[in-house]
Protein backbone atom coordinates (compact mmCIF):
# COMPACT_ATOMS: atom_id res chain seq x y z
CA UNK A 1 22.58 -1.45 43.88
CA UNK A 2 20.96 1.87 43.04
CA UNK A 3 22.01 1.41 39.40
CA UNK A 4 20.45 -2.07 39.27
CA UNK A 5 17.30 -0.69 40.89
CA UNK A 6 17.04 2.07 38.27
CA UNK A 7 17.58 -0.36 35.39
CA UNK A 8 14.93 -2.70 36.77
CA UNK A 9 12.29 0.01 36.81
CA UNK A 10 13.45 1.41 33.49
CA UNK A 11 12.89 -2.08 32.06
CA UNK A 12 9.34 -2.22 33.41
CA UNK A 13 8.44 1.31 32.29
CA UNK A 14 9.89 0.73 28.83
CA UNK A 15 7.90 -2.52 28.47
CA UNK A 16 4.67 -0.67 29.30
CA UNK A 17 5.50 2.09 26.79
CA UNK A 18 6.39 -0.54 24.17
CA UNK A 19 3.13 -2.43 24.60
CA UNK A 20 1.08 0.76 24.40
CA UNK A 21 2.79 1.81 21.16
CA UNK A 22 2.62 -1.71 19.67
CA UNK A 23 -1.14 -1.72 20.24
CA UNK A 24 -1.76 1.90 19.21
CA UNK A 25 -2.78 0.92 15.66
CA UNK A 26 -5.92 -0.75 17.03
CA UNK A 27 -7.52 2.62 17.79
CA UNK A 28 -9.17 4.59 14.95
CA UNK A 29 -7.20 7.85 14.47
CA UNK A 30 -10.30 9.76 13.38
CA UNK A 31 -11.70 9.16 16.87
CA UNK A 32 -8.49 9.40 18.89
CA UNK A 33 -6.56 12.40 17.68
CA UNK A 34 -2.80 11.98 17.11
CA UNK A 35 -2.87 8.31 18.20
CA UNK A 36 -2.04 7.33 14.61
CA UNK A 37 1.35 9.06 14.78
CA UNK A 38 2.49 6.51 17.38
CA UNK A 39 2.56 3.80 14.71
CA UNK A 40 5.60 5.50 13.13
CA UNK A 41 7.51 4.73 16.35
CA UNK A 42 6.92 0.97 16.09
CA UNK A 43 10.15 0.11 14.16
CA UNK A 44 12.14 2.19 16.67
CA UNK A 45 10.47 0.47 19.63
CA UNK A 46 11.24 -2.97 18.20
CA UNK A 47 14.87 -2.02 17.53
CA UNK A 48 15.29 -0.65 21.08
CA UNK A 49 13.88 -3.83 22.58
CA UNK A 50 16.33 -5.90 20.53
CA UNK A 51 19.21 -3.85 21.93
CA UNK A 52 17.89 -4.14 25.50
CA UNK A 53 17.38 -7.90 25.06
CA UNK A 54 20.99 -8.38 23.90
CA UNK A 55 22.22 -6.22 26.80
CA UNK A 56 20.52 -8.41 29.43
CA UNK A 57 21.38 -11.69 27.68
CA UNK A 58 25.05 -10.78 27.77
CA UNK A 59 24.68 -10.30 31.51
CA UNK A 60 22.71 -13.58 31.78
CA UNK A 61 20.01 -11.64 33.62
CA UNK A 62 16.36 -12.59 34.06
CA UNK A 63 15.55 -8.97 33.07
CA UNK A 64 15.83 -10.18 29.46
CA UNK A 65 12.30 -11.56 29.84
CA UNK A 66 10.72 -8.10 29.58
CA UNK A 67 12.15 -7.01 26.18
CA UNK A 68 11.53 -10.57 24.97
CA UNK A 69 7.82 -10.17 25.84
CA UNK A 70 7.72 -6.87 23.92
CA UNK A 71 9.32 -8.52 20.88
CA UNK A 72 6.75 -11.32 20.99
CA UNK A 73 4.02 -8.70 20.59
CA UNK A 74 6.08 -7.09 17.83
CA UNK A 75 6.48 -10.23 15.71
CA UNK A 76 3.50 -9.36 13.52
CA UNK A 77 5.16 -6.06 12.60
CA UNK A 78 8.47 -7.75 11.84
CA UNK A 79 6.75 -10.22 9.51
CA UNK A 80 5.00 -7.30 7.79
CA UNK A 81 8.36 -5.54 7.33
CA UNK A 82 10.55 -8.33 5.96
CA UNK A 83 9.30 -11.37 4.06
CA UNK A 84 11.26 -14.63 4.04
CA UNK A 85 9.37 -16.54 1.34
CA UNK A 86 12.45 -17.45 -0.68
CA UNK A 87 10.94 -20.54 -2.28
CA UNK A 88 8.27 -19.74 -4.87
CA UNK A 89 5.31 -22.05 -4.88
CA UNK A 90 4.71 -23.49 -8.29
CA UNK A 91 2.27 -21.47 -10.41
CA UNK A 92 -0.44 -23.47 -12.13
CA UNK A 93 -2.04 -22.69 -15.52
CA UNK A 94 -5.34 -21.82 -13.81
CA UNK A 95 -3.69 -19.29 -11.48
CA UNK A 96 -4.34 -15.59 -12.08
CA UNK A 97 -1.93 -12.66 -11.94
CA UNK A 98 -2.85 -9.19 -10.74
CA UNK A 99 -0.82 -6.01 -11.30
CA UNK A 100 -1.31 -2.88 -9.19
CA UNK A 101 0.44 0.33 -10.22
CA UNK A 102 0.12 4.03 -9.38
CA UNK A 103 1.15 5.37 -12.79
CA UNK A 104 1.16 9.08 -11.84
CA UNK A 105 -0.95 9.96 -14.89
CA UNK A 106 1.59 8.16 -17.12
CA UNK A 107 3.74 11.28 -16.69
CA UNK A 108 1.37 13.06 -19.08
CA UNK A 109 2.53 16.53 -18.01
CA UNK A 110 5.66 16.67 -20.17
CA UNK A 111 5.54 20.25 -21.42
CA UNK A 112 9.09 21.46 -22.05
CA UNK A 113 10.65 18.14 -20.99
CA UNK A 114 11.51 15.86 -23.93
CA UNK A 115 13.07 13.31 -21.58
CA UNK A 116 9.74 12.97 -19.77
CA UNK A 117 8.04 12.20 -23.07
CA UNK A 118 10.41 9.27 -23.58
CA UNK A 119 9.85 8.13 -19.99
CA UNK A 120 6.09 8.39 -20.50
CA UNK A 121 6.27 6.28 -23.66
CA UNK A 122 8.46 3.71 -21.91
CA UNK A 123 6.02 3.45 -18.99
CA UNK A 124 3.03 2.93 -21.26
CA UNK A 125 4.96 0.33 -23.30
CA UNK A 126 5.87 -1.54 -20.09
CA UNK A 127 2.27 -1.51 -18.87
CA UNK A 128 0.98 -2.73 -22.25
CA UNK A 129 3.57 -5.51 -22.50
CA UNK A 130 2.96 -6.74 -18.95
CA UNK A 131 0.78 -9.82 -19.37
CA UNK A 132 -1.04 -9.85 -16.01
CA UNK A 133 -4.60 -11.17 -16.16
CA UNK A 134 -5.89 -8.20 -14.19
CA UNK A 135 -4.33 -4.73 -14.14
CA UNK A 136 -5.30 -2.09 -11.60
CA UNK A 137 -4.14 1.49 -12.06
CA UNK A 138 -4.28 4.43 -9.70
CA UNK A 139 -3.94 7.96 -11.11
CA UNK A 140 -4.91 6.55 -14.49
CA UNK A 141 -4.84 8.90 -17.48
CA UNK A 142 -5.98 8.66 -21.09
CA UNK A 143 -6.21 11.34 -23.78
CA UNK A 144 -8.04 10.24 -26.90
CA UNK A 145 -6.70 13.21 -28.91
CA UNK A 146 -3.03 12.27 -28.41
CA UNK A 147 -1.70 9.06 -29.95
CA UNK A 148 0.93 8.67 -27.24
CA UNK A 149 -1.68 8.83 -24.47
CA UNK A 150 -4.46 6.67 -25.91
CA UNK A 151 -3.81 4.36 -23.01
CA UNK A 152 -7.28 2.79 -22.90
CA UNK A 153 -6.97 1.50 -26.46
CA UNK A 154 -3.37 0.39 -25.97
CA UNK A 155 -3.93 -1.52 -22.74
CA UNK A 156 -7.24 -3.03 -23.87
CA UNK A 157 -5.44 -4.51 -26.92
CA UNK A 158 -8.51 -4.53 -29.15
CA UNK A 159 -10.72 -6.38 -26.71
CA UNK A 160 -8.15 -8.67 -25.10
CA UNK A 161 -8.88 -6.82 -21.86
CA UNK A 162 -12.31 -5.81 -20.62
CA UNK A 163 -12.14 -2.69 -18.46
CA UNK A 164 -13.88 -0.43 -15.98
CA UNK A 165 -12.82 3.14 -15.25
CA UNK A 166 -13.95 5.22 -12.28
CA UNK A 167 -13.68 8.85 -13.36
CA UNK A 168 -11.97 11.50 -11.26
CA UNK A 169 -14.75 14.09 -11.42
CA UNK A 170 -17.96 14.25 -13.44
CA UNK A 171 -16.36 16.58 -15.97
CA UNK A 172 -14.36 13.66 -17.36
CA UNK A 173 -17.29 11.36 -18.05
CA UNK A 174 -17.71 10.67 -21.76
CA UNK A 175 -14.89 13.11 -22.42
CA UNK A 176 -11.81 12.57 -24.54
CA UNK A 177 -9.60 13.36 -21.57
CA UNK A 178 -10.02 10.70 -18.89
CA UNK A 179 -8.57 10.67 -15.38
CA UNK A 180 -9.38 8.28 -12.60
CA UNK A 181 -8.79 4.75 -11.39
CA UNK A 182 -8.99 1.78 -13.77
CA UNK A 183 -9.31 -2.01 -13.72
CA UNK A 184 -8.47 -4.01 -16.87
CA UNK A 185 -9.22 -7.73 -17.04
CA UNK A 186 -8.72 -10.55 -19.54
CA UNK A 187 -11.85 -12.06 -18.01
CA UNK A 188 -15.36 -10.57 -18.29
CA UNK A 189 -16.33 -7.85 -15.83
CA UNK A 190 -19.92 -8.74 -14.96
CA UNK A 191 -20.55 -5.92 -12.48
CA UNK A 192 -18.75 -2.87 -11.16
CA UNK A 193 -19.32 -0.02 -8.77
CA UNK A 194 -17.89 3.06 -7.10
CA UNK A 195 -16.57 3.42 -3.57
CA UNK A 196 -17.22 6.88 -2.18
CA UNK A 197 -14.14 7.84 -0.18
CA UNK A 198 -15.55 11.33 0.49
CA UNK A 199 -12.25 12.87 -0.52
CA UNK A 200 -11.53 16.51 -1.36
CA UNK A 201 -9.12 15.29 -4.05
CA UNK A 202 -10.62 13.64 -7.17
CA UNK A 203 -7.65 11.28 -7.59
CA UNK A 204 -8.37 9.65 -4.23
CA UNK A 205 -10.96 7.13 -5.31
CA UNK A 206 -12.07 3.56 -4.93
CA UNK A 207 -13.78 1.20 -7.34
CA UNK A 208 -14.53 -2.49 -7.69
CA UNK A 209 -15.18 -4.99 -10.46
CA UNK A 210 -16.76 -8.42 -10.15
CA UNK A 211 -14.83 -10.62 -12.57
CA UNK A 212 -15.97 -14.01 -13.89
CA UNK A 213 -12.90 -16.27 -14.05
CA UNK A 214 -14.01 -19.47 -15.73
CA UNK A 215 -17.17 -19.63 -13.64
CA UNK A 216 -15.51 -18.56 -10.39
CA UNK A 217 -16.30 -14.90 -9.65
CA UNK A 218 -14.02 -12.68 -7.58
CA UNK A 219 -14.41 -9.05 -6.56
CA UNK A 220 -11.33 -6.95 -7.30
CA UNK A 221 -11.19 -3.68 -5.37
CA UNK A 222 -8.74 -0.95 -6.31
CA UNK A 223 -8.28 2.10 -4.09
CA UNK A 224 -6.14 5.21 -3.88
CA UNK A 225 -6.35 6.52 -0.34
CA UNK A 226 -5.40 9.96 0.91
CA UNK A 227 -1.73 10.81 0.50
CA UNK A 228 0.85 11.47 3.22
CA UNK A 229 1.49 14.77 1.34
CA UNK A 230 5.11 15.01 2.47
CA UNK A 231 7.17 17.56 0.54
CA UNK A 232 10.44 15.66 0.36
CA UNK A 233 12.56 18.60 -0.77
CA UNK A 234 11.72 20.42 2.46
CA UNK A 235 13.34 17.61 4.47
CA UNK A 236 16.72 18.70 3.10
CA UNK A 237 16.63 22.18 4.65
CA UNK A 238 19.70 22.96 6.78
CA UNK A 239 18.77 26.04 8.80
CA UNK A 240 17.51 25.08 12.27
CA UNK A 241 14.39 27.26 12.15
CA UNK A 242 13.48 25.90 8.72
CA UNK A 243 14.06 22.32 9.84
CA UNK A 244 11.92 22.85 12.94
CA UNK A 245 9.09 24.38 10.92
CA UNK A 246 9.29 21.74 8.19
CA UNK A 247 9.10 18.85 10.62
CA UNK A 248 6.13 20.44 12.34
CA UNK A 249 4.54 20.66 8.88
CA UNK A 250 5.36 17.00 8.20
CA UNK A 251 3.81 15.91 11.51
CA UNK A 252 0.67 17.92 10.73
CA UNK A 253 0.39 16.44 7.23
CA UNK A 254 0.94 12.90 8.52
CA UNK A 255 -1.71 13.43 11.20
CA UNK A 256 -4.23 14.71 8.66
CA UNK A 257 -3.53 11.86 6.24
CA UNK A 258 -3.82 9.17 8.92
CA UNK A 259 -7.16 10.53 10.16
CA UNK A 260 -8.51 10.84 6.62
CA UNK A 261 -7.54 7.30 5.62
CA UNK A 262 -9.07 5.84 8.78
CA UNK A 263 -12.40 7.41 7.75
CA UNK A 264 -12.07 6.41 4.09
CA UNK A 265 -11.68 2.71 4.78
CA UNK A 266 -15.08 2.45 6.49
CA UNK A 267 -16.78 2.36 3.09
CA UNK A 268 -14.12 0.04 1.64
CA UNK A 269 -14.71 -2.40 4.50
CA UNK A 270 -18.45 -2.29 3.81
CA UNK A 271 -17.88 -3.23 0.16
CA UNK A 272 -15.69 -6.13 1.30
CA UNK A 273 -18.15 -7.38 3.91
CA UNK A 274 -21.12 -7.20 1.54
CA UNK A 275 -19.33 -8.96 -1.31
CA UNK A 276 -20.91 -12.29 -2.28
CA UNK A 277 -17.55 -13.26 -3.79
CA UNK A 278 -13.96 -13.74 -2.69
CA UNK A 279 -12.13 -10.42 -2.60
CA UNK A 280 -8.76 -9.11 -3.73
CA UNK A 281 -8.02 -5.57 -2.55
CA UNK A 282 -5.13 -3.62 -4.02
CA UNK A 283 -3.85 -0.12 -4.59
CA UNK A 284 -1.93 2.84 -3.30
CA UNK A 285 -3.01 2.87 0.33
CA UNK A 286 -0.39 5.45 1.38
CA UNK A 287 -0.10 3.43 4.58
CA UNK A 288 2.86 1.70 6.20
CA UNK A 289 2.35 -1.86 7.48
CA UNK A 290 2.22 -0.53 11.06
CA UNK A 291 -0.77 1.80 10.78
CA UNK A 292 -4.47 1.52 11.54
CA UNK A 293 -5.56 1.12 7.90
CA UNK A 294 -3.19 -1.80 7.32
CA UNK A 295 -4.25 -3.37 10.62
CA UNK A 296 -7.95 -3.15 9.74
CA UNK A 297 -7.55 -4.86 6.38
CA UNK A 298 -5.14 -7.42 7.84
CA UNK A 299 -7.77 -8.49 10.41
CA UNK A 300 -9.90 -10.17 7.73
CA UNK A 301 -7.60 -10.47 4.69
CA UNK A 302 -4.14 -11.83 4.02
CA UNK A 303 -1.35 -9.71 2.57
CA UNK A 304 0.37 -10.96 -0.59
CA UNK A 305 3.77 -9.53 0.33
CA UNK A 306 3.74 -11.21 3.73
CA UNK A 307 2.64 -14.55 2.32
CA UNK A 308 4.63 -14.73 -0.92
CA UNK A 309 7.08 -11.80 -1.05
CA UNK A 310 10.80 -11.52 -0.42
CA UNK A 311 12.93 -8.99 1.41
CA UNK A 312 11.55 -5.56 2.27
CA UNK A 313 9.37 -4.92 -0.80
CA UNK A 314 9.63 -1.12 -0.65
CA UNK A 315 7.22 0.41 -3.18
CA UNK A 316 7.94 4.14 -3.06
CA UNK A 317 10.31 5.53 -5.69
CA UNK A 318 11.58 8.70 -4.02
CA UNK A 319 13.84 10.10 -1.34
CA UNK A 320 11.87 8.18 1.31
CA UNK A 321 12.75 4.94 -0.49
CA UNK A 322 12.10 2.75 2.59
CA UNK A 323 8.29 3.05 2.40
CA UNK A 324 6.00 0.16 1.48
CA UNK A 325 2.70 1.92 0.87
CA UNK A 326 1.25 -0.07 -2.07
CA UNK A 327 -0.41 -3.32 -1.07
CA UNK A 328 -2.36 -6.35 -2.26
CA UNK A 329 -4.70 -7.99 0.26
CA UNK A 330 -6.76 -11.08 -0.50
CA UNK A 331 -9.42 -13.38 0.87
CA UNK A 332 -8.09 -16.27 3.02
CA UNK A 333 -10.00 -18.64 0.70
CA UNK A 334 -7.49 -17.68 -2.02
CA UNK A 335 -3.79 -18.62 -2.00
CA UNK A 336 -0.95 -16.27 -2.99
CA UNK A 337 1.76 -18.26 -4.79
CA UNK A 338 4.08 -15.45 -5.94
CA UNK A 339 4.62 -11.74 -5.29
CA UNK A 340 6.90 -9.27 -7.06
CA UNK A 341 7.88 -5.63 -6.59
CA UNK A 342 9.24 -4.33 -9.90
CA UNK A 343 11.94 -2.08 -8.45
CA UNK A 344 13.69 -1.66 -11.82
CA UNK A 345 10.56 -0.04 -13.28
CA UNK A 346 11.27 3.55 -12.19
CA UNK A 347 8.94 5.57 -14.42
CA UNK A 348 6.54 6.65 -11.67
CA UNK A 349 6.98 7.67 -8.02
CA UNK A 350 5.67 4.19 -7.18
CA UNK A 351 6.96 0.78 -8.21
CA UNK A 352 4.45 -1.67 -9.72
CA UNK A 353 3.55 -4.72 -7.62
CA UNK A 354 2.15 -8.02 -8.85
CA UNK A 355 0.73 -11.12 -7.22
CA UNK A 356 -0.08 -14.59 -8.51
CA UNK A 357 -3.08 -16.28 -6.93
CA UNK A 358 -4.70 -19.68 -6.88
CA UNK A 359 -8.48 -19.47 -6.55
CA UNK A 360 -8.67 -23.19 -5.73
CA UNK A 361 -6.89 -23.17 -2.39
């Protein structure tokens, strides 16, 4: 009887803890310190409730109701983790395709590494050959003095694509060496602007372009939010003291990144709200689909992976391969018909993602 009593109260306490963690991403981390770290526990909480549910179902106990309630609140996170859209909706000729890709500077820093030069060339060739109507690049790089890295000219294809580039630092404006964030479009860009993310790092930027698509204008927003800044090689340390220190460092970096991103999106949300056009938001958000930033955008926009993707859609090409941190959000007045993560394109530390959209929902 004592054991049943303990399990009963454990069930109730664990439900309360689960609900608090499942709702933790509603609070802005820049106002509630360390609250953002709780979102990393959400997959674990869901998994634990599944195990507890199965335990009580096997005993045919009414206690199964409590983990079931927790899982009901967790459904939105499950749907953001795994997509089951295994039947592609038919793409129409008037649909548009949008590519988003953190190209890591096209691996421009190849000094002393001939193999990186080949990888850099292969990445640029892939980007050029990709026929998406709109291409959004984070960590964009172009060097007008090096044939291999004349990426603006190559991607623009002699005027096939109009483009707008937001420069990473004033020193690159009108210079032959260009770094920043770029939007290329087969359709005319009629207006563009900057999004001030107030970042210490020039590569963390936001920009938008209003694009006229056969008389129907949309606003495409591309952002590169503050990084998680995790040093993956440090996670492999074996000595206990080193492991302890490294994981403290990871927690600190995650905390800083979460707080920074929650501040950065305030301006992005303003650009979305003030847009007179339908919006597509894409980029390297450095945010899992459980965090505050994802939740804020998901309140007003749909997510292309959730609506048209398949499987897990992991976008990070590194040791932490299970991360989906690149996203495409879009206005509910638009319909996503297809979504692809190009996991075989391994030139950068991110995989390219691409969505197909119907503007005439």
